[in-house]
Amino acid sequence: MQKTSQENYSEYSIGQLSRAADVKVPTIRYYEQIGLLEEPWRTEGGQRRYNQGALDRLNMIAHARELGFSIDSIREFIRLAAHPDAPCEDLDQITERHLNDVQIRIQKLGRLRDELQSMLKNCQHGTVEKCRILEVLGDHTHCQTEH
């Protein structure tokens, strides 16, 4: 929704917002396009102007992305944040699901690490023709772990 009043919207240009939140300008525009950030008020010259609330939301989005939350989860966080008196069990569930996903990825990465270590350990470091690494890469049945 295009803002028509500059009231409370003149604190930051998009460049200033970008620097303040350490988020690239194209990312800010993308978040606006997908509705995570409200479309800002624009000057007569078309310059976007943001308020402190936009910076706060952008910081939250950026931090959530750093923690690996999906855009859909962030969209739900924003929706739920609009109801400050509601219980936070929905937020807990989103975070718990994400934690479970992270734990599964960590397990997979551990198996991947073990397989790569095994490949290196079992390599005779001779010639490419007899390289154990290429042998394992060419035939998954030579793997030591399921990864």
Foldseek 3Di string as FASTA:
>chain_A
DEDDDCVQFAPDWLVRLCVLLVHDSVVLVVCCVVVLAPFAYADPVGTGTGHVVRSVSSNVVVVCVVVPQDPVLSVVVVVVVVPVVDDCVVVVVSVVVVVVVVVVVVVVVVLVVVQVVVQVVPAPPDDPVPRSNVVCVVPVVPTPGDD
